[in-house]
Amino acid sequence: MPVPLPSCPPGVDPSVLVGEVHAWATSEPLRALVEAFGGRVPEGDTAAVLAWLDAFSAAHWDFRAGRERDEVPPPVLTGGVGALVAASAVALRLADTTAPPHRSYEHLLVLGGLGRACLQRTEHAARLVRSGEITAGEVTALASFRTLTDTERALPGLAGLEHEIDAMEAGVRAAFGFAGPPGGSISVRTFPGVRVLAAPSGDPRRRRANTSDTYEFWAGLVHLRPGDRILVVTSPVYVPFQHCDAIRLIGLPYRCGVDTVGFAPARASVPQPPEAARPDRYLQEVRSTIRAMRRLVDVAG
């Protein structure tokens, strides 16, 4: 059975969140993964366990070294480690394509990323709304001004585009059927019922805008009310860490409910690349989840 991620109903009790994080961090699938790389998850309180996992994952599972995820060369994993990683990814919710747990949301957020993901996630969001699976008061696609690579521009519909927000706008147009120029500005582009935002970096001298920047930028533009429900749409492998960041930055401070779902790769018009299911990709995002949970516990604990 998959290990539950921390839940975030409106007005969630922070102590319950910490307990749910502890259960994930000490779960049998994560213990088995750590043991396959020569470690052993220690006993201790949640903060101590996460600190140890952070250091362990930095030594064994951090393959990016500051690069974009699609620029990382695959490591060599021997024996049955690759199969164990794949099974652990399912158990730890890094292959999550479950349906939204509620029918009605005040806000639907579509997270940006590489060009392929912008197309896949907007398509899934539009499908949820058009099928009647959910209703959403507002739909917002979150992106940045990261420059697209030549590989991204080679994807259908992205030729000639410059930035991630352009790819997200293209995805919104295709998925929701919009034509004509958007309203708003270069960083806040508006269509009927849908907005596309480009968040600034919180540290522009050192890095591009990240998930946390986009959440905070969006939250600063809308009027969130206690009790609002928010559905986040992303790629399956990023569900755990982006869900934890959403709880920390939106759920807790605004007393909102947060659910996060991943699109179903088998239903996406733009297919996943073969490397999307590589073991190192899963391991990297297990580490991302550990770090996001550590940030969450720092706030909730």
C-alpha atoms as a PDB file:
ATOM      1  CA  MET A   1       0.000   0.000   0.000  1.00  0.00           C
ATOM      2  CA  PRO A   2       1.261   3.527  -0.742  1.00  0.00           C
ATOM      3  CA  VAL A   3       2.426   5.523   2.254  1.00  0.00           C
ATOM      4  CA  PRO A   4       0.088   8.486   2.823  1.00  0.00           C
ATOM      5  CA  LEU A   5       1.465  11.969   2.331  1.00  0.00           C
ATOM      6  CA  PRO A   6       0.705  14.669   4.916  1.00  0.00           C
ATOM      7  CA  SER A   7      -2.908  15.740   4.612  1.00  0.00           C
ATOM      8  CA  CYS A   8      -4.028  19.361   4.664  1.00  0.00           C
ATOM      9  CA  PRO A   9      -7.714  19.988   5.269  1.00  0.00           C
ATOM     10  CA  PRO A  10      -8.638  23.616   5.964  1.00  0.00           C
ATOM     11  CA  GLY A  11      -7.278  24.677   9.353  1.00  0.00           C
ATOM     12  CA  VAL A  12      -5.060  21.597   9.662  1.00  0.00           C
ATOM     13  CA  ASP A  13      -3.552  20.904  13.091  1.00  0.00           C
ATOM     14  CA  PRO A  14       0.247  21.379  12.747  1.00  0.00           C
ATOM     15  CA  SER A  15       0.933  18.592  15.259  1.00  0.00           C
ATOM     16  CA  VAL A  16      -1.017  16.162  13.070  1.00  0.00           C
ATOM     17  CA  LEU A  17       1.077  17.241  10.078  1.00  0.00           C
ATOM     18  CA  VAL A  18       4.296  16.513  11.945  1.00  0.00           C
ATOM     19  CA  GLY A  19       3.038  13.060  12.885  1.00  0.00           C
ATOM     20  CA  GLU A  20       2.146  12.276   9.288  1.00  0.00           C
ATOM     21  CA  VAL A  21       5.559  13.462   8.104  1.00  0.00           C
ATOM     22  CA  HIS A  22       7.192  11.214  10.703  1.00  0.00           C
ATOM     23  CA  ALA A  23       5.187   8.234   9.459  1.00  0.00           C
ATOM     24  CA  TRP A  24       6.365   8.834   5.860  1.00  0.00           C
ATOM     25  CA  ALA A  25       9.992   9.406   6.866  1.00  0.00           C
ATOM     26  CA  THR A  26      10.155   6.221   8.945  1.00  0.00           C
ATOM     27  CA  SER A  27       8.032   4.056   6.649  1.00  0.00           C
ATOM     28  CA  GLU A  28       9.180   0.623   5.571  1.00  0.00           C
ATOM     29  CA  PRO A  29       9.616   1.560   1.874  1.00  0.00           C
ATOM     30  CA  LEU A  30      11.937   4.449   2.761  1.00  0.00           C
ATOM     31  CA  ARG A  31      13.830   2.302   5.279  1.00  0.00           C
ATOM     32  CA  ALA A  32      14.382  -0.352   2.604  1.00  0.00           C
ATOM     33  CA  LEU A  33      15.607   2.278   0.151  1.00  0.00           C
ATOM     34  CA  VAL A  34      18.075   3.692   2.668  1.00  0.00           C
ATOM     35  CA  GLU A  35      19.344   0.216   3.546  1.00  0.00           C
ATOM     36  CA  ALA A  36      19.961  -0.544  -0.141  1.00  0.00           C
ATOM     37  CA  PHE A  37      22.477   2.312  -0.122  1.00  0.00           C
ATOM     38  CA  GLY A  38      24.191   1.217   3.088  1.00  0.00           C
ATOM     39  CA  GLY A  39      22.312   3.285   5.658  1.00  0.00           C
ATOM     40  CA  ARG A  40      19.789   2.816   8.417  1.00  0.00           C
ATOM     41  CA  VAL A  41      17.062   5.297   9.312  1.00  0.00           C
ATOM     42  CA  PRO A  42      17.696   6.303  12.939  1.00  0.00           C
ATOM     43  CA  GLU A  43      15.267   6.543  15.800  1.00  0.00           C
ATOM     44  CA  GLY A  44      14.435  10.002  17.076  1.00  0.00           C
ATOM     45  CA  ASP A  45      11.989  12.849  16.733  1.00  0.00           C
ATOM     46  CA  THR A  46      10.796  13.969  13.323  1.00  0.00           C
ATOM     47  CA  ALA A  47      13.245  16.858  12.958  1.00  0.00           C
ATOM     48  CA  ALA A  48      16.216  14.653  13.826  1.00  0.00           C
ATOM     49  CA  VAL A  49      15.167  11.880  11.457  1.00  0.00           C
ATOM     50  CA  LEU A  50      14.692  14.347   8.591  1.00  0.00           C
ATOM     51  CA  ALA A  51      18.062  15.987   9.282  1.00  0.00           C
ATOM     52  CA  TRP A  52      19.744  12.594   9.052  1.00  0.00           C
ATOM     53  CA  LEU A  53      17.830  11.717   5.854  1.00  0.00           C
ATOM     54  CA  ASP A  54      18.771  15.078   4.342  1.00  0.00           C
ATOM     55  CA  ALA A  55      22.477  14.421   4.896  1.00  0.00           C
ATOM     56  CA  PHE A  56      22.213  10.803   3.727  1.00  0.00           C
ATOM     57  CA  SER A  57      20.320  11.708   0.556  1.00  0.00           C
ATOM     58  CA  ALA A  58      22.828  14.488  -0.207  1.00  0.00           C
ATOM     59  CA  ALA A  59      25.609  11.910  -0.156  1.00  0.00           C
ATOM     60  CA  HIS A  60      23.801   9.206  -2.162  1.00  0.00           C
ATOM     61  CA  TRP A  61      20.876  10.622  -4.166  1.00  0.00           C
ATOM     62  CA  ASP A  62      21.795  14.163  -5.214  1.00  0.00           C
ATOM     63  CA  PHE A  63      22.645  13.803  -8.901  1.00  0.00           C
ATOM     64  CA  ARG A  64      21.743  17.314 -10.084  1.00  0.00           C
ATOM     65  CA  ALA A  65      24.665  19.357  -8.737  1.00  0.00           C
ATOM     66  CA  GLY A  66      22.821  22.554  -9.659  1.00  0.00           C
ATOM     67  CA  ARG A  67      21.765  21.375 -13.128  1.00  0.00           C
ATOM     68  CA  GLU A  68      18.255  21.178 -14.550  1.00  0.00           C
ATOM     69  CA  ARG A  69      16.683  17.757 -14.093  1.00  0.00           C
ATOM     70  CA  ASP A  70      16.855  16.898 -17.798  1.00  0.00           C
ATOM     71  CA  GLU A  71      20.615  17.602 -17.904  1.00  0.00           C
ATOM     72  CA  VAL A  72      21.606  14.908 -15.397  1.00  0.00           C
ATOM     73  CA  PRO A  73      23.499  11.876 -16.795  1.00  0.00           C
ATOM     74  CA  PRO A  74      22.204   8.524 -15.477  1.00  0.00           C
ATOM     75  CA  PRO A  75      24.226   6.842 -12.701  1.00  0.00           C
ATOM     76  CA  VAL A  76      24.928   3.111 -12.746  1.00  0.00           C
ATOM     77  CA  LEU A  77      22.890   1.113 -10.219  1.00  0.00           C
ATOM     78  CA  THR A  78      23.882  -2.515  -9.837  1.00  0.00           C
ATOM     79  CA  GLY A  79      22.013  -5.623  -8.786  1.00  0.00           C
ATOM     80  CA  GLY A  80      18.338  -5.240  -8.016  1.00  0.00           C
ATOM     81  CA  VAL A  81      18.634  -1.674  -6.753  1.00  0.00           C
ATOM     82  CA  GLY A  82      16.888  -0.200  -9.791  1.00  0.00           C
ATOM     83  CA  ALA A  83      13.848  -2.429  -9.289  1.00  0.00           C
ATOM     84  CA  LEU A  84      13.759  -1.582  -5.594  1.00  0.00           C
ATOM     85  CA  VAL A  85      13.862   2.135  -6.390  1.00  0.00           C
ATOM     86  CA  ALA A  86      10.945   1.771  -8.814  1.00  0.00           C
ATOM     87  CA  ALA A  87       8.853  -0.105  -6.239  1.00  0.00           C
ATOM     88  CA  SER A  88       9.743   2.412  -3.546  1.00  0.00           C
ATOM     89  CA  ALA A  89       8.732   5.293  -5.813  1.00  0.00           C
ATOM     90  CA  VAL A  90       5.238   3.828  -6.101  1.00  0.00           C
ATOM     91  CA  ALA A  91       4.984   3.210  -2.363  1.00  0.00           C
ATOM     92  CA  LEU A  92       6.261   6.697  -1.475  1.00  0.00           C
ATOM     93  CA  ARG A  93       3.737   8.388  -3.817  1.00  0.00           C
ATOM     94  CA  LEU A  94       6.208   9.491  -6.526  1.00  0.00           C
ATOM     95  CA  ALA A  95       4.057   7.777  -9.157  1.00  0.00           C
ATOM     96  CA  ASP A  96       0.810   9.315  -7.926  1.00  0.00           C
ATOM     97  CA  THR A  97      -2.018   9.726 -10.455  1.00  0.00           C
ATOM     98  CA  THR A  98      -4.962   9.465  -8.071  1.00  0.00           C
ATOM     99  CA  ALA A  99      -8.147  11.451  -8.606  1.00  0.00           C
ATOM    100  CA  PRO A 100      -8.744  14.667  -6.659  1.00  0.00           C
ATOM    101  CA  PRO A 101     -10.353  13.833  -3.310  1.00  0.00           C
ATOM    102  CA  HIS A 102     -12.945  16.624  -3.561  1.00  0.00           C
ATOM    103  CA  ARG A 103     -15.316  17.823  -6.260  1.00  0.00           C
ATOM    104  CA  SER A 104     -15.188  21.556  -5.609  1.00  0.00           C
ATOM    105  CA  TYR A 105     -12.165  23.857  -5.268  1.00  0.00           C
ATOM    106  CA  GLU A 106     -11.872  27.607  -4.997  1.00  0.00           C
ATOM    107  CA  HIS A 107      -8.521  27.507  -6.796  1.00  0.00           C
ATOM    108  CA  LEU A 108      -6.881  25.159  -9.303  1.00  0.00           C
ATOM    109  CA  LEU A 109      -3.129  25.686  -9.634  1.00  0.00           C
ATOM    110  CA  VAL A 110      -1.140  24.242 -12.526  1.00  0.00           C
ATOM    111  CA  LEU A 111       2.584  24.230 -11.782  1.00  0.00           C
ATOM    112  CA  GLY A 112       5.148  25.108 -14.446  1.00  0.00           C
ATOM    113  CA  GLY A 113       8.369  23.307 -15.279  1.00  0.00           C
ATOM    114  CA  LEU A 114      10.080  22.102 -18.416  1.00  0.00           C
ATOM    115  CA  GLY A 115       8.206  22.707 -21.652  1.00  0.00           C
ATOM    116  CA  ARG A 116       6.897  19.155 -21.879  1.00  0.00           C
ATOM    117  CA  ALA A 117       5.450  19.378 -18.373  1.00  0.00           C
ATOM    118  CA  CYS A 118       3.746  22.694 -19.144  1.00  0.00           C
ATOM    119  CA  LEU A 119       1.804  20.975 -21.929  1.00  0.00           C
ATOM    120  CA  GLN A 120       1.036  17.820 -19.946  1.00  0.00           C
ATOM    121  CA  ARG A 121      -0.129  19.540 -16.771  1.00  0.00           C
ATOM    122  CA  THR A 122      -2.367  22.109 -18.468  1.00  0.00           C
ATOM    123  CA  GLU A 123      -3.957  19.327 -20.486  1.00  0.00           C
ATOM    124  CA  HIS A 124      -4.726  17.369 -17.313  1.00  0.00           C
ATOM    125  CA  ALA A 125      -6.123  20.438 -15.540  1.00  0.00           C
ATOM    126  CA  ALA A 126      -8.432  21.200 -18.456  1.00  0.00           C
ATOM    127  CA  ARG A 127      -9.579  17.569 -18.558  1.00  0.00           C
ATOM    128  CA  LEU A 128     -10.490  17.662 -14.857  1.00  0.00           C
ATOM    129  CA  VAL A 129     -12.620  20.759 -15.382  1.00  0.00           C
ATOM    130  CA  ARG A 130     -14.216  19.821 -18.703  1.00  0.00           C
ATOM    131  CA  SER A 131     -15.127  16.310 -17.560  1.00  0.00           C
ATOM    132  CA  GLY A 132     -16.908  17.716 -14.531  1.00  0.00           C
ATOM    133  CA  GLU A 133     -14.641  15.759 -12.222  1.00  0.00           C
ATOM    134  CA  ILE A 134     -14.016  19.010 -10.363  1.00  0.00           C
ATOM    135  CA  THR A 135     -15.271  22.575 -10.371  1.00  0.00           C
ATOM    136  CA  ALA A 136     -12.833  25.409  -9.761  1.00  0.00           C
ATOM    137  CA  GLY A 137     -13.546  29.058  -9.049  1.00  0.00           C
ATOM    138  CA  GLU A 138     -10.220  30.231 -10.479  1.00  0.00           C
ATOM    139  CA  VAL A 139      -7.600  28.485 -12.609  1.00  0.00           C
ATOM    140  CA  THR A 140      -4.025  29.748 -12.496  1.00  0.00           C
ATOM    141  CA  ALA A 141      -0.967  28.398 -14.311  1.00  0.00           C
ATOM    142  CA  LEU A 142       2.281  29.221 -12.500  1.00  0.00           C
ATOM    143  CA  ALA A 143       5.551  29.652 -14.383  1.00  0.00           C
ATOM    144  CA  SER A 144       8.722  31.745 -14.568  1.00  0.00           C
ATOM    145  CA  PHE A 145      10.897  33.598 -17.064  1.00  0.00           C
ATOM    146  CA  ARG A 146      13.357  30.713 -17.367  1.00  0.00           C
ATOM    147  CA  THR A 147      14.701  30.552 -20.933  1.00  0.00           C
ATOM    148  CA  LEU A 148      13.574  27.470 -22.856  1.00  0.00           C
ATOM    149  CA  THR A 149      16.208  25.107 -24.215  1.00  0.00           C
ATOM    150  CA  ASP A 150      16.463  24.040 -27.844  1.00  0.00           C
ATOM    151  CA  THR A 151      15.117  20.613 -26.808  1.00  0.00           C
ATOM    152  CA  GLU A 152      12.017  22.238 -25.332  1.00  0.00           C
ATOM    153  CA  ARG A 153      11.461  24.395 -28.423  1.00  0.00           C
ATOM    154  CA  ALA A 154      11.514  21.242 -30.552  1.00  0.00           C
ATOM    155  CA  LEU A 155       8.294  20.028 -28.903  1.00  0.00           C
ATOM    156  CA  PRO A 156       5.030  20.427 -30.855  1.00  0.00           C
ATOM    157  CA  GLY A 157       3.543  23.846 -30.194  1.00  0.00           C
ATOM    158  CA  LEU A 158       6.628  25.377 -28.570  1.00  0.00           C
ATOM    159  CA  ALA A 159       8.658  26.364 -31.647  1.00  0.00           C
ATOM    160  CA  GLY A 160       9.863  29.955 -31.511  1.00  0.00           C
ATOM    161  CA  LEU A 161       8.905  30.501 -27.866  1.00  0.00           C
ATOM    162  CA  GLU A 162      11.386  32.063 -25.456  1.00  0.00           C
ATOM    163  CA  HIS A 163      10.420  31.438 -21.845  1.00  0.00           C
ATOM    164  CA  GLU A 164       8.674  28.972 -19.559  1.00  0.00           C
ATOM    165  CA  ILE A 165       5.687  31.301 -19.217  1.00  0.00           C
ATOM    166  CA  ASP A 166       5.348  31.228 -23.023  1.00  0.00           C
ATOM    167  CA  ALA A 167       5.261  27.431 -22.929  1.00  0.00           C
ATOM    168  CA  MET A 168       2.668  27.550 -20.163  1.00  0.00           C
ATOM    169  CA  GLU A 169       0.562  30.010 -22.161  1.00  0.00           C
ATOM    170  CA  ALA A 170       0.792  27.691 -25.177  1.00  0.00           C
ATOM    171  CA  GLY A 171      -0.358  24.799 -22.987  1.00  0.00           C
ATOM    172  CA  VAL A 172      -3.275  26.815 -21.636  1.00  0.00           C
ATOM    173  CA  ARG A 173      -4.324  27.866 -25.143  1.00  0.00           C
ATOM    174  CA  ALA A 174      -4.237  24.301 -26.459  1.00  0.00           C
ATOM    175  CA  ALA A 175      -5.891  22.697 -23.421  1.00  0.00           C
ATOM    176  CA  PHE A 176      -8.631  25.256 -22.789  1.00  0.00           C
ATOM    177  CA  GLY A 177      -9.194  26.286 -26.401  1.00  0.00           C
ATOM    178  CA  PHE A 178      -8.296  29.966 -26.180  1.00  0.00           C
ATOM    179  CA  ALA A 179      -7.512  32.100 -29.228  1.00  0.00           C
ATOM    180  CA  GLY A 180      -6.489  35.700 -29.524  1.00  0.00           C
ATOM    181  CA  PRO A 181      -4.100  37.724 -27.384  1.00  0.00           C
ATOM    182  CA  PRO A 182      -4.302  37.545 -23.582  1.00  0.00           C
ATOM    183  CA  GLY A 183      -5.101  40.482 -21.370  1.00  0.00           C
ATOM    184  CA  GLY A 184      -2.979  41.650 -18.460  1.00  0.00           C
ATOM    185  CA  SER A 185       0.770  42.139 -18.667  1.00  0.00           C
ATOM    186  CA  ILE A 186       3.862  40.223 -19.723  1.00  0.00           C
ATOM    187  CA  SER A 187       4.054  38.494 -16.329  1.00  0.00           C
ATOM    188  CA  VAL A 188       0.300  38.182 -15.592  1.00  0.00           C
ATOM    189  CA  ARG A 189      -1.553  36.982 -18.702  1.00  0.00           C
ATOM    190  CA  THR A 190      -5.317  36.639 -18.469  1.00  0.00           C
ATOM    191  CA  PHE A 191      -7.852  34.554 -20.364  1.00  0.00           C
ATOM    192  CA  PRO A 192     -11.522  34.021 -19.461  1.00  0.00           C
ATOM    193  CA  GLY A 193     -11.386  32.177 -16.130  1.00  0.00           C
ATOM    194  CA  VAL A 194      -7.669  31.365 -16.431  1.00  0.00           C
ATOM    195  CA  ARG A 195      -4.492  33.278 -15.602  1.00  0.00           C
ATOM    196  CA  VAL A 196      -0.864  32.534 -16.473  1.00  0.00           C
ATOM    197  CA  LEU A 197       1.693  34.001 -14.076  1.00  0.00           C
ATOM    198  CA  ALA A 198       5.480  34.308 -14.222  1.00  0.00           C
ATOM    199  CA  ALA A 199       6.955  34.559 -10.739  1.00  0.00           C
ATOM    200  CA  PRO A 200      10.198  36.418 -10.026  1.00  0.00           C
ATOM    201  CA  SER A 201      13.048  34.599  -8.322  1.00  0.00           C
ATOM    202  CA  GLY A 202      13.406  35.081  -4.593  1.00  0.00           C
ATOM    203  CA  ASP A 203      17.187  35.181  -5.143  1.00  0.00           C
ATOM    204  CA  PRO A 204      17.695  36.397  -8.727  1.00  0.00           C
ATOM    205  CA  ARG A 205      21.480  36.637  -8.503  1.00  0.00           C
ATOM    206  CA  ARG A 206      21.831  32.951  -7.704  1.00  0.00           C
ATOM    207  CA  ARG A 207      18.934  31.055  -9.244  1.00  0.00           C
ATOM    208  CA  ARG A 208      15.750  31.080 -11.308  1.00  0.00           C
ATOM    209  CA  ALA A 209      12.321  31.140  -9.693  1.00  0.00           C
ATOM    210  CA  ASN A 210      11.470  27.840  -8.001  1.00  0.00           C
ATOM    211  CA  THR A 211       8.255  26.212  -6.788  1.00  0.00           C
ATOM    212  CA  SER A 212       8.255  28.174  -3.543  1.00  0.00           C
ATOM    213  CA  ASP A 213       8.646  31.464  -5.417  1.00  0.00           C
ATOM    214  CA  THR A 214       5.665  30.689  -7.633  1.00  0.00           C
ATOM    215  CA  TYR A 215       3.449  29.727  -4.680  1.00  0.00           C
ATOM    216  CA  GLU A 216       4.323  32.907  -2.795  1.00  0.00           C
ATOM    217  CA  PHE A 217       3.896  35.111  -5.857  1.00  0.00           C
ATOM    218  CA  TRP A 218       0.454  33.674  -6.534  1.00  0.00           C
ATOM    219  CA  ALA A 219      -0.661  33.878  -2.896  1.00  0.00           C
ATOM    220  CA  GLY A 220       0.309  37.548  -2.849  1.00  0.00           C
ATOM    221  CA  LEU A 221      -1.955  38.292  -5.824  1.00  0.00           C
ATOM    222  CA  VAL A 222      -5.151  36.551  -4.738  1.00  0.00           C
ATOM    223  CA  HIS A 223      -7.405  36.967  -1.731  1.00  0.00           C
ATOM    224  CA  LEU A 224      -7.238  33.599   0.043  1.00  0.00           C
ATOM    225  CA  ARG A 225      -9.809  32.952   2.729  1.00  0.00           C
ATOM    226  CA  PRO A 226      -9.679  30.429   5.575  1.00  0.00           C
ATOM    227  CA  GLY A 227     -11.501  27.336   4.416  1.00  0.00           C
ATOM    228  CA  ASP A 228     -10.674  27.726   0.724  1.00  0.00           C
ATOM    229  CA  ARG A 229      -9.703  24.491  -1.007  1.00  0.00           C
ATOM    230  CA  ILE A 230      -6.819  24.474  -3.483  1.00  0.00           C
ATOM    231  CA  LEU A 231      -5.962  21.725  -5.964  1.00  0.00           C
ATOM    232  CA  VAL A 232      -2.405  21.620  -7.297  1.00  0.00           C
ATOM    233  CA  VAL A 233      -1.678  19.812 -10.586  1.00  0.00           C
ATOM    234  CA  THR A 234       1.877  18.697 -11.332  1.00  0.00           C
ATOM    235  CA  SER A 235       3.821  15.692 -12.651  1.00  0.00           C
ATOM    236  CA  PRO A 236       3.523  12.453 -10.648  1.00  0.00           C
ATOM    237  CA  VAL A 237       7.155  12.340  -9.527  1.00  0.00           C
ATOM    238  CA  TYR A 238       6.931  15.833  -8.010  1.00  0.00           C
ATOM    239  CA  VAL A 239       3.655  15.349  -6.122  1.00  0.00           C
ATOM    240  CA  PRO A 240       5.232  14.687  -2.689  1.00  0.00           C
ATOM    241  CA  PHE A 241       7.652  17.600  -2.496  1.00  0.00           C
ATOM    242  CA  GLN A 242       5.425  20.159  -4.197  1.00  0.00           C
ATOM    243  CA  HIS A 243       2.519  19.119  -1.972  1.00  0.00           C
ATOM    244  CA  CYS A 244       4.610  19.685   1.152  1.00  0.00           C
ATOM    245  CA  ASP A 245       5.750  23.081  -0.096  1.00  0.00           C
ATOM    246  CA  ALA A 246       2.136  24.037  -0.827  1.00  0.00           C
ATOM    247  CA  ILE A 247       1.087  23.094   2.702  1.00  0.00           C
ATOM    248  CA  ARG A 248       3.921  25.153   4.177  1.00  0.00           C
ATOM    249  CA  LEU A 249       3.437  28.243   2.026  1.00  0.00           C
ATOM    250  CA  ILE A 250      -0.330  28.242   1.454  1.00  0.00           C
ATOM    251  CA  GLY A 251      -2.167  25.735   3.623  1.00  0.00           C
ATOM    252  CA  LEU A 252      -0.753  26.666   7.013  1.00  0.00           C
ATOM    253  CA  PRO A 253      -0.450  30.466   6.762  1.00  0.00           C
ATOM    254  CA  TYR A 254      -3.835  30.959   5.070  1.00  0.00           C
ATOM    255  CA  ARG A 255      -5.678  28.059   6.793  1.00  0.00           C
ATOM    256  CA  CYS A 256      -6.621  26.646   3.390  1.00  0.00           C
ATOM    257  CA  GLY A 257      -7.072  23.054   2.318  1.00  0.00           C
ATOM    258  CA  VAL A 258      -4.482  21.723  -0.141  1.00  0.00           C
ATOM    259  CA  ASP A 259      -4.620  18.615  -2.352  1.00  0.00           C
ATOM    260  CA  THR A 260      -2.012  17.741  -4.989  1.00  0.00           C
ATOM    261  CA  VAL A 261      -2.392  15.372  -7.943  1.00  0.00           C
ATOM    262  CA  GLY A 262      -0.209  14.221 -10.807  1.00  0.00           C
ATOM    263  CA  PHE A 263      -1.335  13.796 -14.398  1.00  0.00           C
ATOM    264  CA  ALA A 264      -1.661  10.295 -15.840  1.00  0.00           C
ATOM    265  CA  PRO A 265       1.235   9.798 -18.305  1.00  0.00           C
ATOM    266  CA  ALA A 266      -0.740   7.229 -20.307  1.00  0.00           C
ATOM    267  CA  ARG A 267      -3.396   9.856 -21.102  1.00  0.00           C
ATOM    268  CA  ALA A 268      -1.036  12.709 -21.980  1.00  0.00           C
ATOM    269  CA  SER A 269      -0.946  13.825 -25.623  1.00  0.00           C
ATOM    270  CA  VAL A 270       2.737  14.671 -25.188  1.00  0.00           C
ATOM    271  CA  PRO A 271       4.421  11.443 -24.005  1.00  0.00           C
ATOM    272  CA  GLN A 272       6.917  11.180 -21.204  1.00  0.00           C
ATOM    273  CA  PRO A 273      10.550  10.784 -22.307  1.00  0.00           C
ATOM    274  CA  PRO A 274      12.148   7.397 -21.532  1.00  0.00           C
ATOM    275  CA  GLU A 275      14.373   8.911 -18.850  1.00  0.00           C
ATOM    276  CA  ALA A 276      11.371  10.092 -16.811  1.00  0.00           C
ATOM    277  CA  ALA A 277      11.198   6.745 -15.005  1.00  0.00           C
ATOM    278  CA  ARG A 278      14.939   6.324 -14.452  1.00  0.00           C
ATOM    279  CA  PRO A 279      15.860   5.300 -10.888  1.00  0.00           C
ATOM    280  CA  ASP A 280      18.029   8.381 -10.373  1.00  0.00           C
ATOM    281  CA  ARG A 281      15.054  10.639 -11.140  1.00  0.00           C
ATOM    282  CA  TYR A 282      13.044   8.934  -8.423  1.00  0.00           C
ATOM    283  CA  LEU A 283      15.912   9.076  -5.947  1.00  0.00           C
ATOM    284  CA  GLN A 284      16.460  12.761  -6.638  1.00  0.00           C
ATOM    285  CA  GLU A 285      12.816  13.499  -5.887  1.00  0.00           C
ATOM    286  CA  VAL A 286      12.817  11.366  -2.741  1.00  0.00           C
ATOM    287  CA  ARG A 287      15.549  13.734  -1.619  1.00  0.00           C
ATOM    288  CA  SER A 288      13.467  16.742  -2.705  1.00  0.00           C
ATOM    289  CA  THR A 289      10.589  15.398  -0.611  1.00  0.00           C
ATOM    290  CA  ILE A 290      12.805  14.919   2.433  1.00  0.00           C
ATOM    291  CA  ARG A 291      13.995  18.502   2.170  1.00  0.00           C
ATOM    292  CA  ALA A 292      10.458  19.836   1.637  1.00  0.00           C
ATOM    293  CA  MET A 293       9.261  17.890   4.671  1.00  0.00           C
ATOM    294  CA  ARG A 294      12.109  19.287   6.700  1.00  0.00           C
ATOM    295  CA  ARG A 295      11.065  22.828   5.773  1.00  0.00           C
ATOM    296  CA  LEU A 296       7.468  21.984   6.601  1.00  0.00           C
ATOM    297  CA  VAL A 297       8.325  20.607  10.036  1.00  0.00           C
ATOM    298  CA  ASP A 298      10.427  23.706  10.751  1.00  0.00           C
ATOM    299  CA  VAL A 299       7.224  25.747  10.315  1.00  0.00           C
ATOM    300  CA  ALA A 300       4.682  23.301  11.763  1.00  0.00           C
ATOM    301  CA  GLY A 301       6.729  21.797  14.570  1.00  0.00           C
END
